[in-house]
N, C-alpha and C. Protein backbone atom coordinates (compact mmCIF):
# COMPACT_ATOMS: atom_id res chain seq x y z
N UNK A 1 0.68 -1.26 -0.01
CA UNK A 1 0.01 0.21 0.00
C UNK A 1 0.67 1.36 -0.06
N UNK A 2 1.83 1.50 0.83
CA UNK A 2 2.94 2.38 0.81
C UNK A 2 3.99 3.19 -0.52
N UNK A 3 3.39 1.95 -1.37
CA UNK A 3 4.10 1.72 -2.43
C UNK A 3 3.35 2.38 -3.14
N UNK A 4 1.93 2.05 -3.34
CA UNK A 4 0.93 2.90 -4.19
C UNK A 4 0.96 4.48 -3.38
N UNK A 5 0.72 4.79 -2.28
CA UNK A 5 0.85 6.13 -1.62
C UNK A 5 2.18 7.22 -1.96
N UNK A 6 2.71 6.39 -1.95
CA UNK A 6 4.23 7.21 -2.19
C UNK A 6 4.04 7.77 -3.62
N UNK A 7 3.89 6.59 -4.76
CA UNK A 7 4.57 6.75 -6.21
C UNK A 7 3.02 8.03 -6.30
N UNK A 8 1.92 7.70 -5.81
CA UNK A 8 1.08 8.71 -5.78
C UNK A 8 1.23 10.04 -5.55
N UNK A 9 1.94 10.05 -4.31
CA UNK A 9 2.61 11.30 -3.68
C UNK A 9 3.54 12.05 -4.91
N UNK A 10 4.55 11.39 -5.16
CA UNK A 10 5.33 11.79 -6.34
C UNK A 10 4.65 12.29 -7.17
N UNK A 11 3.80 11.51 -7.70
CA UNK A 11 3.31 12.41 -9.10
C UNK A 11 2.49 13.34 -8.85
N UNK A 12 1.91 13.48 -7.27
CA UNK A 12 0.91 14.53 -7.16
C UNK A 12 1.32 15.57 -7.18
N UNK A 13 2.83 15.49 -5.99
CA UNK A 13 3.29 16.92 -5.56
C UNK A 13 3.38 18.06 -6.54
N UNK A 14 4.00 17.53 -7.82
CA UNK A 14 4.37 18.64 -8.66
C UNK A 14 3.15 19.37 -9.72
N UNK A 15 2.12 18.25 -9.48
CA UNK A 15 0.48 18.67 -9.74
C UNK A 15 0.01 19.85 -9.38
N UNK A 16 -0.17 19.46 -7.61
CA UNK A 16 -0.43 20.37 -6.36
C UNK A 16 0.33 21.41 -6.48
N UNK A 17 1.46 21.75 -6.44
CA UNK A 17 2.13 22.77 -6.21
C UNK A 17 1.84 23.86 -7.61
N UNK A 18 1.77 23.07 -8.58
CA UNK A 18 1.53 23.85 -9.88
C UNK A 18 0.09 24.64 -9.59
N UNK A 19 -0.54 24.02 -9.06
CA UNK A 19 -2.00 24.57 -8.78
C UNK A 19 -2.08 25.29 -7.45
N UNK A 20 -0.65 26.12 -7.09
CA UNK A 20 -1.03 27.02 -5.81
C UNK A 20 -1.28 26.15 -4.97
N UNK A 21 -1.50 25.07 -4.49
CA UNK A 21 -1.59 24.29 -3.17
C UNK A 21 -0.55 23.30 -2.57
N UNK A 22 -0.83 22.97 -1.58
CA UNK A 22 0.20 21.87 -1.14
C UNK A 22 -0.30 20.38 -0.78
N UNK A 23 0.34 19.17 -0.56
CA UNK A 23 -0.50 17.86 -0.83
C UNK A 23 0.14 17.86 0.54
N UNK A 24 -1.21 17.31 1.41
CA UNK A 24 -1.27 17.74 2.57
C UNK A 24 -1.04 15.82 2.86
N UNK A 25 -2.23 15.08 2.18
CA UNK A 25 -1.70 13.66 2.70
C UNK A 25 -2.52 12.66 1.11
N UNK A 26 -2.09 11.45 1.33
CA UNK A 26 -2.44 10.61 0.46
C UNK A 26 -2.63 9.49 0.91
N UNK A 27 -3.98 8.66 0.56
CA UNK A 27 -4.56 7.35 1.28
C UNK A 27 -4.63 6.50 0.16
N UNK A 28 -4.99 5.17 0.42
CA UNK A 28 -5.38 3.83 -0.52
C UNK A 28 -6.19 3.34 0.74
N UNK A 29 -7.62 3.06 0.32
CA UNK A 29 -8.23 2.74 1.55
C UNK A 29 -9.05 1.73 0.84
N UNK A 30 -9.67 0.82 1.75
CA UNK A 30 -10.66 -0.44 1.19
C UNK A 30 -11.65 0.31 2.02
N UNK A 31 -12.93 0.70 1.43
CA UNK A 31 -14.09 1.07 2.41
C UNK A 31 -15.36 0.24 1.75
N UNK A 32 -16.44 -0.41 2.88
CA UNK A 32 -17.54 -1.15 2.22
C UNK A 32 -17.21 -1.71 0.91
N UNK A 33 -16.12 -2.66 0.73
CA UNK A 33 -15.80 -3.56 -0.56
C UNK A 33 -15.22 -2.75 -1.31
N UNK A 34 -15.38 -1.50 -2.00
CA UNK A 34 -14.16 -0.83 -2.71
C UNK A 34 -13.21 -0.20 -2.51
N UNK A 35 -12.12 -0.02 -3.44
CA UNK A 35 -10.73 0.75 -2.80
C UNK A 35 -11.24 2.34 -3.83
N UNK A 36 -10.47 2.81 -2.34
CA UNK A 36 -10.28 4.61 -2.84
C UNK A 36 -8.94 5.01 -2.91
N UNK A 37 -8.42 5.83 -3.65
CA UNK A 37 -7.13 6.64 -3.81
C UNK A 37 -7.66 8.01 -3.78
N UNK A 38 -7.02 8.29 -2.46
CA UNK A 38 -7.86 9.67 -2.16
C UNK A 38 -6.54 10.70 -2.01
N UNK A 39 -6.26 11.34 -2.47
CA UNK A 39 -5.46 12.92 -2.59
C UNK A 39 -6.11 13.69 -1.89
N UNK A 40 -5.34 14.76 -0.77
CA UNK A 40 -5.89 15.70 -0.14
C UNK A 40 -4.67 16.68 -0.01
N UNK A 41 -5.72 18.07 -0.24
CA UNK A 41 -4.73 19.41 -0.46
C UNK A 41 -5.23 20.35 0.19
N UNK A 42 -4.12 21.10 -0.20
CA UNK A 42 -4.24 22.30 1.15
C UNK A 42 -3.84 23.58 0.59
N UNK A 43 -4.23 24.87 1.03
CA UNK A 43 -3.91 26.18 0.31
C UNK A 43 -3.95 27.26 1.46
N UNK A 44 -3.42 27.84 1.71
CA UNK A 44 -3.81 29.04 2.66
C UNK A 44 -5.25 30.06 2.94
N UNK A 45 -5.47 30.45 1.29
CA UNK A 45 -6.66 30.72 1.22
C UNK A 45 -7.85 30.10 1.28
N UNK A 46 -7.72 28.49 1.69
CA UNK A 46 -8.56 27.67 1.40
C UNK A 46 -8.68 26.95 -0.39
N UNK A 47 -9.02 25.55 -0.14
CA UNK A 47 -9.45 25.08 -1.64
C UNK A 47 -10.85 25.22 -2.23
N UNK A 48 -10.54 25.44 -3.06
CA UNK A 48 -11.86 25.46 -3.81
C UNK A 48 -12.34 24.07 -4.49
N UNK A 49 -13.55 23.70 -5.32
CA UNK A 49 -13.66 22.80 -6.01
C UNK A 49 -12.51 22.94 -7.56
N UNK A 50 -12.69 24.26 -7.74
CA UNK A 50 -12.10 24.48 -9.00
C UNK A 50 -10.35 23.90 -8.70
N UNK A 51 -9.86 24.13 -7.74
CA UNK A 51 -8.81 23.53 -7.11
C UNK A 51 -8.64 21.51 -7.60
N UNK A 52 -9.59 21.26 -6.84
CA UNK A 52 -9.70 19.60 -6.56
C UNK A 52 -9.70 19.37 -8.00
N UNK A 53 -10.66 20.02 -9.15
CA UNK A 53 -10.75 19.75 -10.50
C UNK A 53 -9.49 19.77 -11.58
N UNK A 54 -8.98 20.69 -10.96
CA UNK A 54 -7.87 20.90 -11.86
C UNK A 54 -6.40 19.95 -11.59
N UNK A 55 -6.35 19.67 -10.00
CA UNK A 55 -5.57 18.45 -9.77
C UNK A 55 -5.78 17.07 -10.23
N UNK A 56 -7.22 17.30 -10.23
CA UNK A 56 -7.37 15.48 -10.09
C UNK A 56 -7.39 15.28 -12.10
N UNK A 57 -7.67 16.38 -12.67
CA UNK A 57 -7.83 16.04 -14.34
C UNK A 57 -6.29 15.58 -14.59
N UNK A 58 -5.52 16.39 -14.48
CA UNK A 58 -4.33 16.23 -14.61
C UNK A 58 -3.59 14.75 -14.01
N UNK A 59 -3.92 14.80 -12.60
CA UNK A 59 -3.23 13.43 -12.24
C UNK A 59 -4.01 12.48 -12.28
N UNK A 60 -5.15 12.13 -12.89
CA UNK A 60 -6.05 11.18 -13.39
C UNK A 60 -4.82 10.51 -14.41
N UNK A 61 -4.86 11.52 -15.24
CA UNK A 61 -3.85 11.41 -16.48
C UNK A 61 -2.60 10.22 -16.51
N UNK A 62 -2.06 11.26 -15.14
CA UNK A 62 -0.36 10.61 -14.78
C UNK A 62 -0.66 9.30 -14.40
N UNK A 63 -1.60 9.14 -13.46
CA UNK A 63 -2.16 7.59 -12.86
C UNK A 63 -2.48 6.83 -13.80
N UNK A 64 -2.86 7.02 -14.71
CA UNK A 64 -3.48 6.10 -15.85
C UNK A 64 -2.06 6.07 -16.25
N UNK A 65 -1.41 6.87 -16.85
CA UNK A 65 -0.18 6.42 -17.54
C UNK A 65 0.97 5.40 -17.00
N UNK A 66 0.93 5.43 -15.18
CA UNK A 66 1.70 5.26 -14.51
C UNK A 66 1.33 3.69 -14.13
N UNK A 67 -0.02 3.51 -14.16
CA UNK A 67 -0.92 2.12 -13.61
C UNK A 67 -0.32 1.43 -12.82
N UNK A 68 -0.27 2.37 -11.09
CA UNK A 68 0.20 1.71 -10.48
C UNK A 68 -0.79 0.59 -9.32
N UNK A 69 -2.43 0.80 -10.11
CA UNK A 69 -2.81 0.06 -9.40
C UNK A 69 -3.87 -0.88 -10.14
N UNK A 70 -3.97 -1.96 -10.04
CA UNK A 70 -4.38 -3.37 -10.96
C UNK A 70 -5.53 -3.16 -10.78
N UNK A 71 -6.18 -3.33 -9.61
CA UNK A 71 -7.60 -3.38 -8.99
C UNK A 71 -8.16 -2.41 -9.42
N UNK A 72 -9.60 -2.51 -9.99
CA UNK A 72 -10.52 -0.91 -9.61
C UNK A 72 -10.51 -0.27 -8.64
N UNK A 73 -10.68 0.82 -8.86
CA UNK A 73 -10.85 1.84 -7.54
C UNK A 73 -11.59 3.26 -7.85
N UNK A 74 -11.67 3.87 -6.85
CA UNK A 74 -12.29 5.70 -6.73
C UNK A 74 -11.18 6.51 -6.46
N UNK A 75 -10.94 7.34 -7.37
CA UNK A 75 -10.05 8.77 -7.90
C UNK A 75 -10.70 9.66 -6.76
N UNK A 76 -10.50 10.46 -5.57
CA UNK A 76 -10.91 11.36 -5.50
C UNK A 76 -9.89 12.40 -4.99
N UNK A 77 -9.77 13.86 -5.13
CA UNK A 77 -8.90 14.44 -4.68
C UNK A 77 -9.66 15.84 -3.91
N UNK A 78 -9.35 15.79 -2.73
CA UNK A 78 -10.40 16.89 -1.92
C UNK A 78 -9.66 17.91 -0.88
N UNK A 79 -10.39 18.60 -0.25
CA UNK A 79 -9.38 19.54 0.98
C UNK A 79 -9.30 18.64 1.82
N UNK A 80 -8.05 19.08 2.57
CA UNK A 80 -7.67 18.48 3.69
C UNK A 80 -9.20 18.62 4.76
N UNK A 81 -9.79 19.62 4.90
CA UNK A 81 -11.00 19.85 5.63
C UNK A 81 -10.59 20.69 6.89
N UNK A 82 -11.06 21.46 7.19
CA UNK A 82 -10.80 21.97 8.81
C UNK A 82 -10.56 20.99 9.78
N UNK A 83 -11.11 19.74 9.82
CA UNK A 83 -11.10 19.17 11.10
C UNK A 83 -9.94 17.63 10.20
N UNK A 84 -9.04 18.41 9.44
CA UNK A 84 -8.16 17.45 9.35
C UNK A 84 -7.48 16.64 9.91
N UNK A 85 -7.20 15.01 9.52
CA UNK A 85 -6.12 14.61 10.46
C UNK A 85 -4.47 14.52 10.11
N UNK A 86 -4.29 14.88 11.85
CA UNK A 86 -2.65 14.68 11.44
C UNK A 86 -1.89 13.52 11.53
N UNK A 87 -1.21 13.25 11.03
CA UNK A 87 -0.70 11.80 10.58
C UNK A 87 0.85 11.54 10.77
N UNK A 88 1.31 12.88 10.36
CA UNK A 88 2.71 13.10 9.93
C UNK A 88 3.43 14.12 10.84
N UNK A 89 4.52 14.13 11.23
CA UNK A 89 4.99 14.62 12.25
C UNK A 89 5.21 16.49 12.03
N UNK A 90 5.34 16.61 10.56
CA UNK A 90 5.37 17.55 10.11
C UNK A 90 3.54 18.42 10.12
N UNK A 91 2.54 17.70 10.35
CA UNK A 91 1.07 18.28 10.27
C UNK A 91 1.28 18.33 11.80
N UNK A 92 1.96 17.88 12.67
CA UNK A 92 1.82 17.95 14.40
C UNK A 92 2.47 19.10 14.64
N UNK A 93 3.93 19.47 13.97
CA UNK A 93 4.59 20.68 14.15
C UNK A 93 3.91 21.84 13.68
N UNK A 94 3.04 21.91 12.73
CA UNK A 94 2.43 22.71 12.27
C UNK A 94 0.96 23.40 12.80
N UNK A 95 0.41 21.77 13.63
CA UNK A 95 -0.71 22.97 14.47
C UNK A 95 -0.17 22.65 16.27
N UNK A 96 1.13 22.97 16.56
CA UNK A 96 1.15 23.01 17.89
C UNK A 96 0.42 24.11 18.45
N UNK A 97 0.17 24.30 19.73
CA UNK A 97 -0.76 24.96 20.00
C UNK A 97 -2.12 25.08 19.69
N UNK A 98 -2.52 24.37 18.76
CA UNK A 98 -3.83 24.00 17.99
C UNK A 98 -4.84 22.82 19.18
N UNK A 99 -6.01 23.66 19.13
CA UNK A 99 -6.81 22.43 20.07
C UNK A 99 -7.24 21.11 18.95
N UNK A 100 -7.05 20.06 19.22
CA UNK A 100 -7.35 18.74 18.55
C UNK A 100 -8.16 17.68 19.49
N UNK A 101 -8.90 17.15 18.75
CA UNK A 101 -9.58 16.05 19.16
C UNK A 101 -8.32 14.58 18.94
N UNK A 102 -8.51 13.50 20.22
CA UNK A 102 -7.64 12.15 19.97
C UNK A 102 -8.83 11.45 20.28
N UNK A 103 -9.04 10.47 19.31
CA UNK A 103 -9.75 9.34 19.39
C UNK A 103 -8.84 8.12 19.78
N UNK A 104 -9.23 7.47 20.71
CA UNK A 104 -8.65 6.23 20.92
C UNK A 104 -8.97 4.75 20.78
N UNK A 105 -8.21 4.09 20.79
CA UNK A 105 -8.81 2.30 20.41
C UNK A 105 -9.69 1.96 21.50
N UNK A 106 -9.19 2.03 22.39
CA UNK A 106 -9.76 1.78 23.92
C UNK A 106 -10.22 2.69 24.91
N UNK A 107 -11.36 3.21 25.46
CA UNK A 107 -11.78 3.96 26.24
C UNK A 107 -10.57 4.05 27.52
N UNK A 108 -10.58 5.84 27.70
CA UNK A 108 -9.69 5.74 28.67
C UNK A 108 -10.50 6.20 29.92
N UNK A 109 -10.76 6.10 30.83
CA UNK A 109 -11.14 6.79 31.95
C UNK A 109 -12.85 6.97 31.42
N UNK A 110 -13.38 5.96 30.86
CA UNK A 110 -14.88 6.01 30.19
C UNK A 110 -15.14 6.51 29.07
N UNK A 111 -13.84 7.22 28.56
CA UNK A 111 -13.83 8.38 27.48
C UNK A 111 -13.29 7.38 26.38
N UNK A 112 -13.60 7.65 24.67
CA UNK A 112 -13.15 6.87 23.79
C UNK A 112 -12.28 8.14 23.10
N UNK A 113 -12.66 9.30 23.19
CA UNK A 113 -12.21 10.90 22.80
C UNK A 113 -11.85 11.88 24.02
N UNK A 114 -10.67 12.52 23.90
CA UNK A 114 -10.70 14.00 24.54
C UNK A 114 -10.27 14.74 23.51
N UNK A 115 -10.59 15.89 23.99
CA UNK A 115 -10.50 17.17 23.11
C UNK A 115 -9.04 18.02 24.15
N UNK A 116 -7.96 18.43 23.58
CA UNK A 116 -7.39 19.43 24.30
C UNK A 116 -6.12 20.05 23.40
N UNK A 117 -4.86 20.84 23.95
CA UNK A 117 -4.38 21.60 23.05
C UNK A 117 -3.30 21.27 22.82
N UNK A 118 -2.53 20.91 21.77
CA UNK A 118 -1.38 19.65 21.31
C UNK A 118 -0.19 20.64 21.56
N UNK A 119 0.45 20.17 22.53
CA UNK A 119 1.51 20.57 23.60
C UNK A 119 2.61 19.89 22.95
N UNK A 120 2.73 18.99 22.35
CA UNK A 120 3.90 18.33 21.90
C UNK A 120 3.74 16.72 20.85
N UNK A 121 4.57 16.43 20.32
CA UNK A 121 4.64 15.31 19.71
C UNK A 121 5.97 14.62 19.50
N UNK A 122 6.23 13.47 19.80
CA UNK A 122 7.72 13.04 19.73
C UNK A 122 7.05 11.55 19.38
N UNK A 123 7.91 10.79 18.36
CA UNK A 123 7.84 9.32 18.24
C UNK A 123 6.41 8.82 17.95
N UNK A 124 5.51 9.58 17.70
CA UNK A 124 4.17 9.05 17.73
C UNK A 124 3.10 9.39 18.48
N UNK A 125 3.93 9.69 20.22
CA UNK A 125 2.83 10.25 21.33
C UNK A 125 2.70 11.69 21.19
N UNK A 126 1.23 11.70 21.38
CA UNK A 126 0.76 13.06 21.40
C UNK A 126 0.60 13.53 22.82
N UNK A 127 1.22 15.11 22.95
CA UNK A 127 1.22 15.54 24.93
C UNK A 127 -0.06 16.52 24.22
N UNK A 128 -0.98 16.61 24.95
CA UNK A 128 -2.10 17.62 25.27
C UNK A 128 -2.15 18.13 26.33
N UNK A 129 -2.43 19.26 26.14
CA UNK A 129 -2.86 20.36 27.55
C UNK A 129 -3.97 20.34 27.97
N UNK A 130 -4.60 19.93 29.33
CA UNK A 130 -6.24 19.94 28.94
C UNK A 130 -6.37 20.70 30.31
N UNK A 131 -6.70 21.87 30.50
CA UNK A 131 -7.11 22.57 31.69
C UNK A 131 -5.78 23.01 32.22
N UNK A 132 -5.27 22.35 33.55
CA UNK A 132 -4.43 22.78 34.24
C UNK A 132 -2.91 21.33 33.99
N UNK A 133 -3.90 20.06 33.09
CA UNK A 133 -3.29 19.14 33.02
C UNK A 133 -2.33 19.02 32.01
N UNK A 134 -1.36 18.29 31.65
CA UNK A 134 -0.91 18.00 30.51
C UNK A 134 -0.61 16.05 30.58
N UNK A 135 -1.14 16.23 29.54
CA UNK A 135 -0.99 14.22 29.50
C UNK A 135 -0.29 13.75 28.32
N UNK A 136 0.69 13.02 28.20
CA UNK A 136 1.13 12.26 27.22
C UNK A 136 0.84 11.13 26.57
N UNK A 137 -0.13 10.63 25.43
CA UNK A 137 -0.58 9.52 24.92
C UNK A 137 0.28 8.70 23.95
N UNK A 138 0.76 7.62 24.58
CA UNK A 138 1.44 6.66 23.75
C UNK A 138 0.99 6.59 22.19
N UNK A 139 2.10 6.73 21.33
CA UNK A 139 1.17 6.04 19.91
C UNK A 139 0.12 5.35 19.62
N UNK A 140 0.47 3.64 20.33
CA UNK A 140 -0.13 2.85 20.16
C UNK A 140 -1.83 3.08 20.40
N UNK A 141 -1.93 4.00 21.63
CA UNK A 141 -3.09 3.83 22.09
C UNK A 141 -4.14 4.88 21.38
N UNK A 142 -3.63 5.43 20.47
CA UNK A 142 -4.02 6.13 19.43
C UNK A 142 -4.65 6.05 18.00
N UNK A 143 -6.22 6.17 17.56
CA UNK A 143 -6.76 5.64 16.68
C UNK A 143 -6.21 6.89 15.49
N UNK A 144 -6.47 7.84 15.88
CA UNK A 144 -6.45 9.18 15.00
C UNK A 144 -6.16 10.38 16.14
N UNK A 145 -5.81 11.34 15.62
CA UNK A 145 -6.07 12.55 15.92
C UNK A 145 -6.26 13.94 14.78
N UNK A 146 -7.27 14.57 15.16
CA UNK A 146 -8.05 15.77 14.13
C UNK A 146 -7.89 17.45 14.72
N UNK A 147 -7.79 18.08 14.03
CA UNK A 147 -8.20 19.29 13.76
C UNK A 147 -9.39 19.42 14.94
N UNK A 148 -9.42 19.93 16.24
CA UNK A 148 -10.89 20.25 16.64
C UNK A 148 -11.51 21.53 15.68
N UNK A 149 -12.75 21.12 15.75
CA UNK A 149 -13.52 22.42 14.92
C UNK A 149 -14.70 23.21 16.07
N UNK A 150 -14.87 23.83 16.46
CA UNK A 150 -15.92 24.59 17.30
C UNK A 150 -16.66 25.45 17.08
N UNK A 151 -17.73 25.59 17.11
CA UNK A 151 -18.84 26.52 16.73
C UNK A 151 -19.43 27.73 17.79
């Protein structure tokens, strides 16, 4: 799988940057029996549908030429979103001090999720400030971390 996402990222990066965006992430996942290749893009001023379409058109042709996936799949290009998942060290570094939601594989103190200020990230461990407390959660306990969207 990482071979597919790595190749897709290599093909996508110049296309994404030529369209004034940055590459946030690439995922190749199976959902409800179907495979999806998703490219997530970002832009300081916000990603528009036109940005996604421009990247998708060029990248789709490049993927057809490279032909990295033998099975049928659905190809999508979308914004990383306001509640974007933080997966890579550079994602965590960029959002130090931001409010995040952490979802756990197993409940901790009766809760499967918690919200706090991202205070640190090291080797997959996430440190949050929650009120007066600072807590570090090891990588193996964390299902995912996303930016918190509050209204």
